[in-house]
Amino acid sequence: MRSVSKRQLASITLWHIALLIASIIWLATALSAQAATKLDGSEPLVFGIVPQQSSAKLIRDWSPVIKQVSELSGLQIRFATAPNIPEFEKRLAAGQYHLAYMNPYHFTVFNQSPGYQAIAHVKDKRIRGILVTSKHSNTTSLKDLDGKNVAFPAPAAFAATLLTQAALKNEGVTFKPYYVGSHDSAYLAVADGLFDAGGGIIRTLGATPENTKKKLNVLFTTEGFTPHAVATHPSLSDDTKKRLQAAFVALADNPEGKAALKTLNMKGFQSATDADWDDVRALNISVINPD
């Protein structure tokens, strides 16, 4: 019998180890997929959350709500987001989310194509954009930002960008916009003195780490509009949409749901229809082509 050298033996051993690892990974993936599949054999619903903040923060804050909606609706739901708002817009356009939490302008666009339909929005709330400045700044009015550098999350961020930019333009203020990817990044950049002002919304500013927030002042707040939409892809059945809508509305009716909502600083959700965003449509904003 031909002897096997140490080098050959080592090679064979490494090959077996690699094969074993590949088998373990395959088995874990298969088991994970099986666990994520509902009893009727369909895949879990993918819930896309607009990336106003870091993925870690979104997962932490939204997971309790998603868990409660899953239990109340009897539907398995999986968290999803995107690295930044423009990528989120691309995924909405491609219909990659079964349901999504999107800003008011996004809803007016993606309601057209691929046809997302509203089921809910936050109860008793109007969304307002804010402009923040450093507490060490001498800026006291919008006019003081003339010729200055201003940070915004993304070109189509509704309140944080579109409403605040409109306010600046209405005052005749000329500014240099910079798009930094998220609300958190805008706040941090202003706090660190990299920009003269930044756009955001009250909720995300409230969720900003204290060491950043304490360095900021709210310079200006816009008028209010219908808030973010929870909307479903047109491929979902009417029954699924009704179950999801009922679950969101019922969140505030039990202790677990209230606790989950508290992580998002929300009182609850109310039923919504597509027409609820006619106030946003009336602005005739055109930043994204839905096709």
C-alpha atoms as a PDB file:
ATOM      1  CA  MET A   1       0.000   0.000   0.000  1.00  0.00           C
ATOM      2  CA  ARG A   2       1.351   3.459  -0.974  1.00  0.00           C
ATOM      3  CA  SER A   3       2.199   5.523   2.073  1.00  0.00           C
ATOM      4  CA  VAL A   4       0.725   8.964   2.532  1.00  0.00           C
ATOM      5  CA  SER A   5       3.106  11.842   3.249  1.00  0.00           C
ATOM      6  CA  LYS A   6       2.517  14.312   6.030  1.00  0.00           C
ATOM      7  CA  ARG A   7       1.857  17.016   3.441  1.00  0.00           C
ATOM      8  CA  GLN A   8      -0.741  14.860   1.677  1.00  0.00           C
ATOM      9  CA  LEU A   9      -2.302  13.919   5.016  1.00  0.00           C
ATOM     10  CA  ALA A  10      -2.521  17.583   5.991  1.00  0.00           C
ATOM     11  CA  SER A  11      -4.083  18.389   2.630  1.00  0.00           C
ATOM     12  CA  ILE A  12      -6.671  15.622   3.023  1.00  0.00           C
ATOM     13  CA  THR A  13      -7.452  16.757   6.582  1.00  0.00           C
ATOM     14  CA  LEU A  14      -7.933  20.381   5.509  1.00  0.00           C
ATOM     15  CA  TRP A  15     -10.207  19.236   2.658  1.00  0.00           C
ATOM     16  CA  HIS A  16     -12.355  17.241   5.077  1.00  0.00           C
ATOM     17  CA  ILE A  17     -12.511  20.186   7.486  1.00  0.00           C
ATOM     18  CA  ALA A  18     -13.565  22.510   4.658  1.00  0.00           C
ATOM     19  CA  LEU A  19     -16.201  20.004   3.550  1.00  0.00           C
ATOM     20  CA  LEU A  20     -17.470  19.683   7.125  1.00  0.00           C
ATOM     21  CA  ILE A  21     -17.685  23.488   7.528  1.00  0.00           C
ATOM     22  CA  ALA A  22     -19.517  23.818   4.203  1.00  0.00           C
ATOM     23  CA  SER A  23     -21.964  21.108   5.280  1.00  0.00           C
ATOM     24  CA  ILE A  24     -22.583  22.830   8.614  1.00  0.00           C
ATOM     25  CA  ILE A  25     -23.189  26.179   6.887  1.00  0.00           C
ATOM     26  CA  TRP A  26     -25.577  24.558   4.399  1.00  0.00           C
ATOM     27  CA  LEU A  27     -27.464  22.788   7.179  1.00  0.00           C
ATOM     28  CA  ALA A  28     -27.696  25.959   9.282  1.00  0.00           C
ATOM     29  CA  THR A  29     -28.978  27.913   6.277  1.00  0.00           C
ATOM     30  CA  ALA A  30     -31.534  25.236   5.474  1.00  0.00           C
ATOM     31  CA  LEU A  31     -32.746  25.060   9.069  1.00  0.00           C
ATOM     32  CA  SER A  32     -32.903  28.854   9.279  1.00  0.00           C
ATOM     33  CA  ALA A  33     -34.938  29.035   6.092  1.00  0.00           C
ATOM     34  CA  GLN A  34     -37.231  26.295   7.338  1.00  0.00           C
ATOM     35  CA  ALA A  35     -37.693  28.082  10.666  1.00  0.00           C
ATOM     36  CA  ALA A  36     -38.480  31.346   8.884  1.00  0.00           C
ATOM     37  CA  THR A  37     -41.122  29.753   6.710  1.00  0.00           C
ATOM     38  CA  LYS A  38     -44.733  29.867   7.786  1.00  0.00           C
ATOM     39  CA  LEU A  39     -46.752  26.730   8.251  1.00  0.00           C
ATOM     40  CA  ASP A  40     -48.502  27.258   4.939  1.00  0.00           C
ATOM     41  CA  GLY A  41     -45.129  27.190   3.159  1.00  0.00           C
ATOM     42  CA  SER A  42     -44.870  30.868   2.221  1.00  0.00           C
ATOM     43  CA  GLU A  43     -41.923  33.109   3.106  1.00  0.00           C
ATOM     44  CA  PRO A  44     -42.033  35.669   5.947  1.00  0.00           C
ATOM     45  CA  LEU A  45     -43.044  39.198   5.024  1.00  0.00           C
ATOM     46  CA  VAL A  46     -40.134  41.611   4.606  1.00  0.00           C
ATOM     47  CA  PHE A  47     -40.759  44.911   6.409  1.00  0.00           C
ATOM     48  CA  GLY A  48     -38.514  47.680   5.063  1.00  0.00           C
ATOM     49  CA  ILE A  49     -37.759  50.582   7.417  1.00  0.00           C
ATOM     50  CA  VAL A  50     -36.485  53.872   5.990  1.00  0.00           C
ATOM     51  CA  PRO A  51     -32.861  54.264   7.196  1.00  0.00           C
ATOM     52  CA  GLN A  52     -33.140  57.617   8.956  1.00  0.00           C
ATOM     53  CA  GLN A  53     -30.806  56.221  11.616  1.00  0.00           C
ATOM     54  CA  SER A  54     -28.165  53.500  11.873  1.00  0.00           C
ATOM     55  CA  SER A  55     -29.172  49.906  11.160  1.00  0.00           C
ATOM     56  CA  ALA A  56     -28.268  48.886  14.723  1.00  0.00           C
ATOM     57  CA  LYS A  57     -30.550  51.553  16.182  1.00  0.00           C
ATOM     58  CA  LEU A  58     -33.389  50.678  13.788  1.00  0.00           C
ATOM     59  CA  ILE A  59     -33.176  46.975  14.648  1.00  0.00           C
ATOM     60  CA  ARG A  60     -33.152  47.753  18.376  1.00  0.00           C
ATOM     61  CA  ASP A  61     -36.094  50.152  18.212  1.00  0.00           C
ATOM     62  CA  TRP A  62     -38.286  48.407  15.632  1.00  0.00           C
ATOM     63  CA  SER A  63     -37.828  44.765  16.681  1.00  0.00           C
ATOM     64  CA  PRO A  64     -40.332  44.963  19.604  1.00  0.00           C
ATOM     65  CA  VAL A  65     -42.970  46.517  17.318  1.00  0.00           C
ATOM     66  CA  ILE A  66     -42.394  43.930  14.585  1.00  0.00           C
ATOM     67  CA  LYS A  67     -42.648  41.142  17.156  1.00  0.00           C
ATOM     68  CA  GLN A  68     -45.987  42.465  18.406  1.00  0.00           C
ATOM     69  CA  VAL A  69     -47.399  43.000  14.908  1.00  0.00           C
ATOM     70  CA  SER A  70     -46.381  39.433  14.042  1.00  0.00           C
ATOM     71  CA  GLU A  71     -48.168  38.042  17.081  1.00  0.00           C
ATOM     72  CA  LEU A  72     -51.297  40.143  16.589  1.00  0.00           C
ATOM     73  CA  SER A  73     -51.587  39.406  12.867  1.00  0.00           C
ATOM     74  CA  GLY A  74     -50.465  35.771  12.939  1.00  0.00           C
ATOM     75  CA  LEU A  75     -47.982  36.620  10.157  1.00  0.00           C
ATOM     76  CA  GLN A  76     -44.226  36.185  10.275  1.00  0.00           C
ATOM     77  CA  ILE A  77     -42.451  39.461   9.566  1.00  0.00           C
ATOM     78  CA  ARG A  78     -38.741  40.051   9.026  1.00  0.00           C
ATOM     79  CA  PHE A  79     -36.972  43.378   9.612  1.00  0.00           C
ATOM     80  CA  ALA A  80     -35.142  44.949   6.676  1.00  0.00           C
ATOM     81  CA  THR A  81     -33.654  48.313   5.817  1.00  0.00           C
ATOM     82  CA  ALA A  82     -30.997  49.679   3.446  1.00  0.00           C
ATOM     83  CA  PRO A  83     -27.521  51.190   3.860  1.00  0.00           C
ATOM     84  CA  ASN A  84     -28.852  54.656   3.022  1.00  0.00           C
ATOM     85  CA  ILE A  85     -31.993  56.441   1.869  1.00  0.00           C
ATOM     86  CA  PRO A  86     -31.212  56.444  -1.904  1.00  0.00           C
ATOM     87  CA  GLU A  87     -30.697  52.664  -1.776  1.00  0.00           C
ATOM     88  CA  PHE A  88     -33.962  52.322   0.169  1.00  0.00           C
ATOM     89  CA  GLU A  89     -35.675  54.242  -2.639  1.00  0.00           C
ATOM     90  CA  LYS A  90     -34.230  51.850  -5.232  1.00  0.00           C
ATOM     91  CA  ARG A  91     -35.505  48.844  -3.285  1.00  0.00           C
ATOM     92  CA  LEU A  92     -38.964  50.406  -2.963  1.00  0.00           C
ATOM     93  CA  ALA A  93     -39.018  51.063  -6.692  1.00  0.00           C
ATOM     94  CA  ALA A  94     -38.101  47.425  -7.300  1.00  0.00           C
ATOM     95  CA  GLY A  95     -40.828  46.246  -4.908  1.00  0.00           C
ATOM     96  CA  GLN A  96     -38.370  44.399  -2.672  1.00  0.00           C
ATOM     97  CA  TYR A  97     -40.376  44.981   0.525  1.00  0.00           C
ATOM     98  CA  HIS A  98     -43.730  43.349   1.257  1.00  0.00           C
ATOM     99  CA  LEU A  99     -44.518  46.280   3.528  1.00  0.00           C
ATOM    100  CA  ALA A 100     -42.544  49.384   4.334  1.00  0.00           C
ATOM    101  CA  TYR A 101     -42.339  52.363   6.648  1.00  0.00           C
ATOM    102  CA  MET A 102     -41.590  55.247   4.278  1.00  0.00           C
ATOM    103  CA  ASN A 103     -41.607  59.013   4.402  1.00  0.00           C
ATOM    104  CA  PRO A 104     -44.643  60.942   3.098  1.00  0.00           C
ATOM    105  CA  TYR A 105     -43.027  61.944  -0.187  1.00  0.00           C
ATOM    106  CA  HIS A 106     -41.764  58.405  -0.786  1.00  0.00           C
ATOM    107  CA  PHE A 107     -45.325  57.188  -0.380  1.00  0.00           C
ATOM    108  CA  THR A 108     -46.710  59.570  -2.999  1.00  0.00           C
ATOM    109  CA  VAL A 109     -44.056  58.337  -5.439  1.00  0.00           C
ATOM    110  CA  PHE A 110     -44.159  54.595  -4.787  1.00  0.00           C
ATOM    111  CA  ASN A 111     -47.929  54.589  -4.463  1.00  0.00           C
ATOM    112  CA  GLN A 112     -47.849  55.295  -8.212  1.00  0.00           C
ATOM    113  CA  SER A 113     -45.318  52.607  -9.050  1.00  0.00           C
ATOM    114  CA  PRO A 114     -44.962  49.811  -8.039  1.00  0.00           C
ATOM    115  CA  GLY A 115     -48.264  50.593  -6.277  1.00  0.00           C
ATOM    116  CA  TYR A 116     -47.680  50.458  -2.510  1.00  0.00           C
ATOM    117  CA  GLN A 117     -50.950  50.968  -0.621  1.00  0.00           C
ATOM    118  CA  ALA A 118     -51.277  52.728   2.725  1.00  0.00           C
ATOM    119  CA  ILE A 119     -52.607  50.820   5.722  1.00  0.00           C
ATOM    120  CA  ALA A 120     -51.535  52.998   8.674  1.00  0.00           C
ATOM    121  CA  HIS A 121     -49.670  55.999   9.987  1.00  0.00           C
ATOM    122  CA  VAL A 122     -48.744  57.236  13.454  1.00  0.00           C
ATOM    123  CA  LYS A 123     -51.745  58.449  15.428  1.00  0.00           C
ATOM    124  CA  ASP A 124     -52.365  62.142  16.154  1.00  0.00           C
ATOM    125  CA  LYS A 125     -49.140  63.344  14.616  1.00  0.00           C
ATOM    126  CA  ARG A 126     -47.946  65.716  11.909  1.00  0.00           C
ATOM    127  CA  ILE A 127     -44.408  65.436  10.600  1.00  0.00           C
ATOM    128  CA  ARG A 128     -42.269  68.576  10.701  1.00  0.00           C
ATOM    129  CA  GLY A 129     -38.779  69.235   9.488  1.00  0.00           C
ATOM    130  CA  ILE A 130     -36.213  70.959  11.675  1.00  0.00           C
ATOM    131  CA  LEU A 131     -32.939  72.750  11.096  1.00  0.00           C
ATOM    132  CA  VAL A 132     -30.381  72.394  13.865  1.00  0.00           C
ATOM    133  CA  THR A 133     -27.270  74.445  14.534  1.00  0.00           C
ATOM    134  CA  SER A 134     -24.411  74.171  16.985  1.00  0.00           C
ATOM    135  CA  LYS A 135     -24.977  75.745  20.393  1.00  0.00           C
ATOM    136  CA  HIS A 136     -21.666  77.533  19.839  1.00  0.00           C
ATOM    137  CA  SER A 137     -22.970  79.115  16.630  1.00  0.00           C
ATOM    138  CA  ASN A 138     -24.098  82.725  16.318  1.00  0.00           C
ATOM    139  CA  THR A 139     -26.881  81.683  13.951  1.00  0.00           C
ATOM    140  CA  THR A 140     -30.239  82.970  15.164  1.00  0.00           C
ATOM    141  CA  SER A 141     -32.357  83.025  11.980  1.00  0.00           C
ATOM    142  CA  LEU A 142     -32.634  81.359   8.585  1.00  0.00           C
ATOM    143  CA  LYS A 143     -31.128  84.485   7.008  1.00  0.00           C
ATOM    144  CA  ASP A 144     -27.901  83.785   8.906  1.00  0.00           C
ATOM    145  CA  LEU A 145     -27.447  80.602   6.836  1.00  0.00           C
ATOM    146  CA  ASP A 146     -27.044  82.536   3.596  1.00  0.00           C
ATOM    147  CA  GLY A 147     -23.977  81.204   1.782  1.00  0.00           C
ATOM    148  CA  LYS A 148     -23.427  78.528   4.458  1.00  0.00           C
ATOM    149  CA  ASN A 149     -22.928  74.743   4.265  1.00  0.00           C
ATOM    150  CA  VAL A 150     -25.964  72.718   5.328  1.00  0.00           C
ATOM    151  CA  ALA A 151     -26.124  68.935   5.882  1.00  0.00           C
ATOM    152  CA  PHE A 152     -29.187  66.909   4.855  1.00  0.00           C
ATOM    153  CA  PRO A 153     -29.850  63.151   5.068  1.00  0.00           C
ATOM    154  CA  ALA A 154     -30.698  62.605   1.370  1.00  0.00           C
ATOM    155  CA  PRO A 155     -32.187  64.525  -1.571  1.00  0.00           C
ATOM    156  CA  ALA A 156     -35.662  62.985  -1.150  1.00  0.00           C
ATOM    157  CA  ALA A 157     -35.867  62.939   2.661  1.00  0.00           C
ATOM    158  CA  PHE A 158     -39.252  64.631   3.017  1.00  0.00           C
ATOM    159  CA  ALA A 159     -39.257  66.702   6.205  1.00  0.00           C
ATOM    160  CA  ALA A 160     -35.521  66.779   6.907  1.00  0.00           C
ATOM    161  CA  THR A 161     -34.557  67.869   3.382  1.00  0.00           C
ATOM    162  CA  LEU A 162     -37.463  68.893   1.152  1.00  0.00           C
ATOM    163  CA  LEU A 163     -39.407  70.927   3.718  1.00  0.00           C
ATOM    164  CA  THR A 164     -36.363  72.569   5.282  1.00  0.00           C
ATOM    165  CA  GLN A 165     -34.836  73.447   1.901  1.00  0.00           C
ATOM    166  CA  ALA A 166     -38.166  74.950   0.820  1.00  0.00           C
ATOM    167  CA  ALA A 167     -38.175  77.093   3.965  1.00  0.00           C
ATOM    168  CA  LEU A 168     -34.665  78.358   3.228  1.00  0.00           C
ATOM    169  CA  LYS A 169     -35.525  79.138  -0.399  1.00  0.00           C
ATOM    170  CA  ASN A 170     -38.713  80.935   0.638  1.00  0.00           C
ATOM    171  CA  GLU A 171     -36.543  83.219   2.763  1.00  0.00           C
ATOM    172  CA  GLY A 172     -34.272  83.875  -0.198  1.00  0.00           C
ATOM    173  CA  VAL A 173     -31.404  82.060   1.487  1.00  0.00           C
ATOM    174  CA  THR A 174     -28.686  80.644  -0.767  1.00  0.00           C
ATOM    175  CA  PHE A 175     -26.957  77.614   0.774  1.00  0.00           C
ATOM    176  CA  LYS A 176     -24.669  74.748  -0.159  1.00  0.00           C
ATOM    177  CA  PRO A 177     -26.408  71.375   0.423  1.00  0.00           C
ATOM    178  CA  TYR A 178     -24.460  68.263   1.402  1.00  0.00           C
ATOM    179  CA  TYR A 179     -26.130  64.839   1.636  1.00  0.00           C
ATOM    180  CA  VAL A 180     -24.669  62.769   4.453  1.00  0.00           C
ATOM    181  CA  GLY A 181     -26.830  59.613   4.375  1.00  0.00           C
ATOM    182  CA  SER A 182     -28.946  59.764   7.539  1.00  0.00           C
ATOM    183  CA  HIS A 183     -30.448  62.042  10.186  1.00  0.00           C
ATOM    184  CA  ASP A 184     -27.895  60.828  12.730  1.00  0.00           C
ATOM    185  CA  SER A 185     -25.018  61.756  10.420  1.00  0.00           C
ATOM    186  CA  ALA A 186     -26.444  65.236   9.871  1.00  0.00           C
ATOM    187  CA  TYR A 187     -26.759  65.869  13.617  1.00  0.00           C
ATOM    188  CA  LEU A 188     -23.279  64.555  14.357  1.00  0.00           C
ATOM    189  CA  ALA A 189     -21.711  66.594  11.552  1.00  0.00           C
ATOM    190  CA  VAL A 190     -23.265  69.818  12.875  1.00  0.00           C
ATOM    191  CA  ALA A 191     -22.326  68.978  16.468  1.00  0.00           C
ATOM    192  CA  ASP A 192     -18.728  68.402  15.343  1.00  0.00           C
ATOM    193  CA  GLY A 193     -18.638  71.745  13.529  1.00  0.00           C
ATOM    194  CA  LEU A 194     -18.358  70.294  10.030  1.00  0.00           C
ATOM    195  CA  PHE A 195     -21.494  72.107   8.810  1.00  0.00           C
ATOM    196  CA  ASP A 196     -23.300  75.293   9.780  1.00  0.00           C
ATOM    197  CA  ALA A 197     -26.705  73.595  10.054  1.00  0.00           C
ATOM    198  CA  GLY A 198     -28.414  70.274   9.432  1.00  0.00           C
ATOM    199  CA  GLY A 199     -31.864  68.965   8.592  1.00  0.00           C
ATOM    200  CA  GLY A 200     -33.823  66.403  10.588  1.00  0.00           C
ATOM    201  CA  ILE A 201     -37.083  65.779  12.430  1.00  0.00           C
ATOM    202  CA  ILE A 202     -38.042  66.046  16.090  1.00  0.00           C
ATOM    203  CA  ARG A 203     -38.334  62.275  16.647  1.00  0.00           C
ATOM    204  CA  THR A 204     -34.863  61.390  15.352  1.00  0.00           C
ATOM    205  CA  LEU A 205     -33.296  64.329  17.194  1.00  0.00           C
ATOM    206  CA  GLY A 206     -34.906  63.046  20.379  1.00  0.00           C
ATOM    207  CA  ALA A 207     -33.351  59.626  19.777  1.00  0.00           C
ATOM    208  CA  THR A 208     -29.877  61.053  19.145  1.00  0.00           C
ATOM    209  CA  PRO A 209     -27.194  60.231  21.758  1.00  0.00           C
ATOM    210  CA  GLU A 210     -27.156  62.809  24.537  1.00  0.00           C
ATOM    211  CA  ASN A 211     -23.523  63.794  23.925  1.00  0.00           C
ATOM    212  CA  THR A 212     -24.526  64.900  20.404  1.00  0.00           C
ATOM    213  CA  LYS A 213     -27.931  66.349  21.224  1.00  0.00           C
ATOM    214  CA  LYS A 214     -26.610  68.606  23.986  1.00  0.00           C
ATOM    215  CA  LYS A 215     -24.429  70.388  21.421  1.00  0.00           C
ATOM    216  CA  LEU A 216     -27.371  71.332  19.182  1.00  0.00           C
ATOM    217  CA  ASN A 217     -30.084  73.973  19.015  1.00  0.00           C
ATOM    218  CA  VAL A 218     -33.275  73.758  16.957  1.00  0.00           C
ATOM    219  CA  LEU A 219     -33.152  76.867  14.784  1.00  0.00           C
ATOM    220  CA  PHE A 220     -36.351  76.360  12.782  1.00  0.00           C
ATOM    221  CA  THR A 221     -39.372  74.036  12.564  1.00  0.00           C
ATOM    222  CA  THR A 222     -41.530  73.694   9.434  1.00  0.00           C
ATOM    223  CA  GLU A 223     -45.301  73.343   9.235  1.00  0.00           C
ATOM    224  CA  GLY A 224     -46.739  69.851   9.691  1.00  0.00           C
ATOM    225  CA  PHE A 225     -47.882  67.226   7.178  1.00  0.00           C
ATOM    226  CA  THR A 226     -49.306  63.700   7.250  1.00  0.00           C
ATOM    227  CA  PRO A 227     -46.533  61.516   8.727  1.00  0.00           C
ATOM    228  CA  HIS A 228     -44.718  58.429   7.438  1.00  0.00           C
ATOM    229  CA  ALA A 229     -46.810  55.709   5.850  1.00  0.00           C
ATOM    230  CA  VAL A 230     -46.923  52.021   6.627  1.00  0.00           C
ATOM    231  CA  ALA A 231     -47.717  50.671   3.181  1.00  0.00           C
ATOM    232  CA  THR A 232     -48.058  47.235   1.597  1.00  0.00           C
ATOM    233  CA  HIS A 233     -46.940  45.922  -1.760  1.00  0.00           C
ATOM    234  CA  PRO A 234     -49.835  45.316  -4.197  1.00  0.00           C
ATOM    235  CA  SER A 235     -48.930  41.623  -4.382  1.00  0.00           C
ATOM    236  CA  LEU A 236     -50.251  41.032  -0.860  1.00  0.00           C
ATOM    237  CA  SER A 237     -53.767  39.651  -0.536  1.00  0.00           C
ATOM    238  CA  ASP A 238     -56.592  41.770   0.863  1.00  0.00           C
ATOM    239  CA  ASP A 239     -56.787  39.423   3.844  1.00  0.00           C
ATOM    240  CA  THR A 240     -53.097  39.909   4.641  1.00  0.00           C
ATOM    241  CA  LYS A 241     -53.432  43.690   4.359  1.00  0.00           C
ATOM    242  CA  LYS A 242     -56.438  43.714   6.697  1.00  0.00           C
ATOM    243  CA  ARG A 243     -54.628  41.556   9.246  1.00  0.00           C
ATOM    244  CA  LEU A 244     -51.583  43.826   9.169  1.00  0.00           C
ATOM    245  CA  GLN A 245     -53.674  46.972   9.432  1.00  0.00           C
ATOM    246  CA  ALA A 246     -55.650  45.609  12.375  1.00  0.00           C
ATOM    247  CA  ALA A 247     -52.420  44.588  14.114  1.00  0.00           C
ATOM    248  CA  PHE A 248     -50.827  48.038  13.799  1.00  0.00           C
ATOM    249  CA  VAL A 249     -53.988  49.732  15.065  1.00  0.00           C
ATOM    250  CA  ALA A 250     -54.238  47.302  18.003  1.00  0.00           C
ATOM    251  CA  LEU A 251     -50.669  47.885  19.215  1.00  0.00           C
ATOM    252  CA  ALA A 252     -51.677  50.574  21.691  1.00  0.00           C
ATOM    253  CA  ASP A 253     -54.448  48.411  23.189  1.00  0.00           C
ATOM    254  CA  ASN A 254     -52.207  46.101  25.228  1.00  0.00           C
ATOM    255  CA  PRO A 255     -49.222  46.550  27.587  1.00  0.00           C
ATOM    256  CA  GLU A 256     -46.757  44.725  25.322  1.00  0.00           C
ATOM    257  CA  GLY A 257     -47.746  46.833  22.333  1.00  0.00           C
ATOM    258  CA  LYS A 258     -47.523  50.071  24.316  1.00  0.00           C
ATOM    259  CA  ALA A 259     -44.062  49.127  25.551  1.00  0.00           C
ATOM    260  CA  ALA A 260     -42.975  48.367  21.993  1.00  0.00           C
ATOM    261  CA  LEU A 261     -44.304  51.702  20.734  1.00  0.00           C
ATOM    262  CA  LYS A 262     -42.467  53.520  23.509  1.00  0.00           C
ATOM    263  CA  THR A 263     -39.129  52.467  22.006  1.00  0.00           C
ATOM    264  CA  LEU A 264     -40.105  54.499  18.933  1.00  0.00           C
ATOM    265  CA  ASN A 265     -41.589  57.383  20.926  1.00  0.00           C
ATOM    266  CA  MET A 266     -44.971  56.725  19.306  1.00  0.00           C
ATOM    267  CA  LYS A 267     -48.416  56.700  20.905  1.00  0.00           C
ATOM    268  CA  GLY A 268     -49.900  54.320  18.378  1.00  0.00           C
ATOM    269  CA  PHE A 269     -51.008  53.829  14.780  1.00  0.00           C
ATOM    270  CA  GLN A 270     -54.286  54.621  13.066  1.00  0.00           C
ATOM    271  CA  SER A 271     -55.801  53.231   9.871  1.00  0.00           C
ATOM    272  CA  ALA A 272     -54.903  55.130   6.732  1.00  0.00           C
ATOM    273  CA  THR A 273     -55.884  55.342   3.083  1.00  0.00           C
ATOM    274  CA  ASP A 274     -53.892  56.558   0.100  1.00  0.00           C
ATOM    275  CA  ALA A 275     -55.800  59.863   0.072  1.00  0.00           C
ATOM    276  CA  ASP A 276     -54.408  60.821   3.488  1.00  0.00           C
ATOM    277  CA  TRP A 277     -51.255  62.063   1.726  1.00  0.00           C
ATOM    278  CA  ASP A 278     -53.069  64.485  -0.605  1.00  0.00           C
ATOM    279  CA  ASP A 279     -51.540  67.346   1.430  1.00  0.00           C
ATOM    280  CA  VAL A 280     -48.113  66.115   0.340  1.00  0.00           C
ATOM    281  CA  ARG A 281     -49.222  65.601  -3.268  1.00  0.00           C
ATOM    282  CA  ALA A 282     -50.444  69.215  -3.303  1.00  0.00           C
ATOM    283  CA  LEU A 283     -46.824  70.359  -2.872  1.00  0.00           C
ATOM    284  CA  ASN A 284     -46.079  69.049  -6.381  1.00  0.00           C
ATOM    285  CA  ILE A 285     -42.633  67.826  -5.364  1.00  0.00           C
ATOM    286  CA  SER A 286     -40.697  66.071  -8.120  1.00  0.00           C
ATOM    287  CA  VAL A 287     -37.408  64.590  -7.013  1.00  0.00           C
ATOM    288  CA  ILE A 288     -37.810  60.876  -7.795  1.00  0.00           C
ATOM    289  CA  ASN A 289     -39.147  59.410 -11.036  1.00  0.00           C
ATOM    290  CA  PRO A 290     -41.301  56.413  -9.988  1.00  0.00           C
ATOM    291  CA  ASP A 291     -40.552  54.687 -13.295  1.00  0.00           C
END
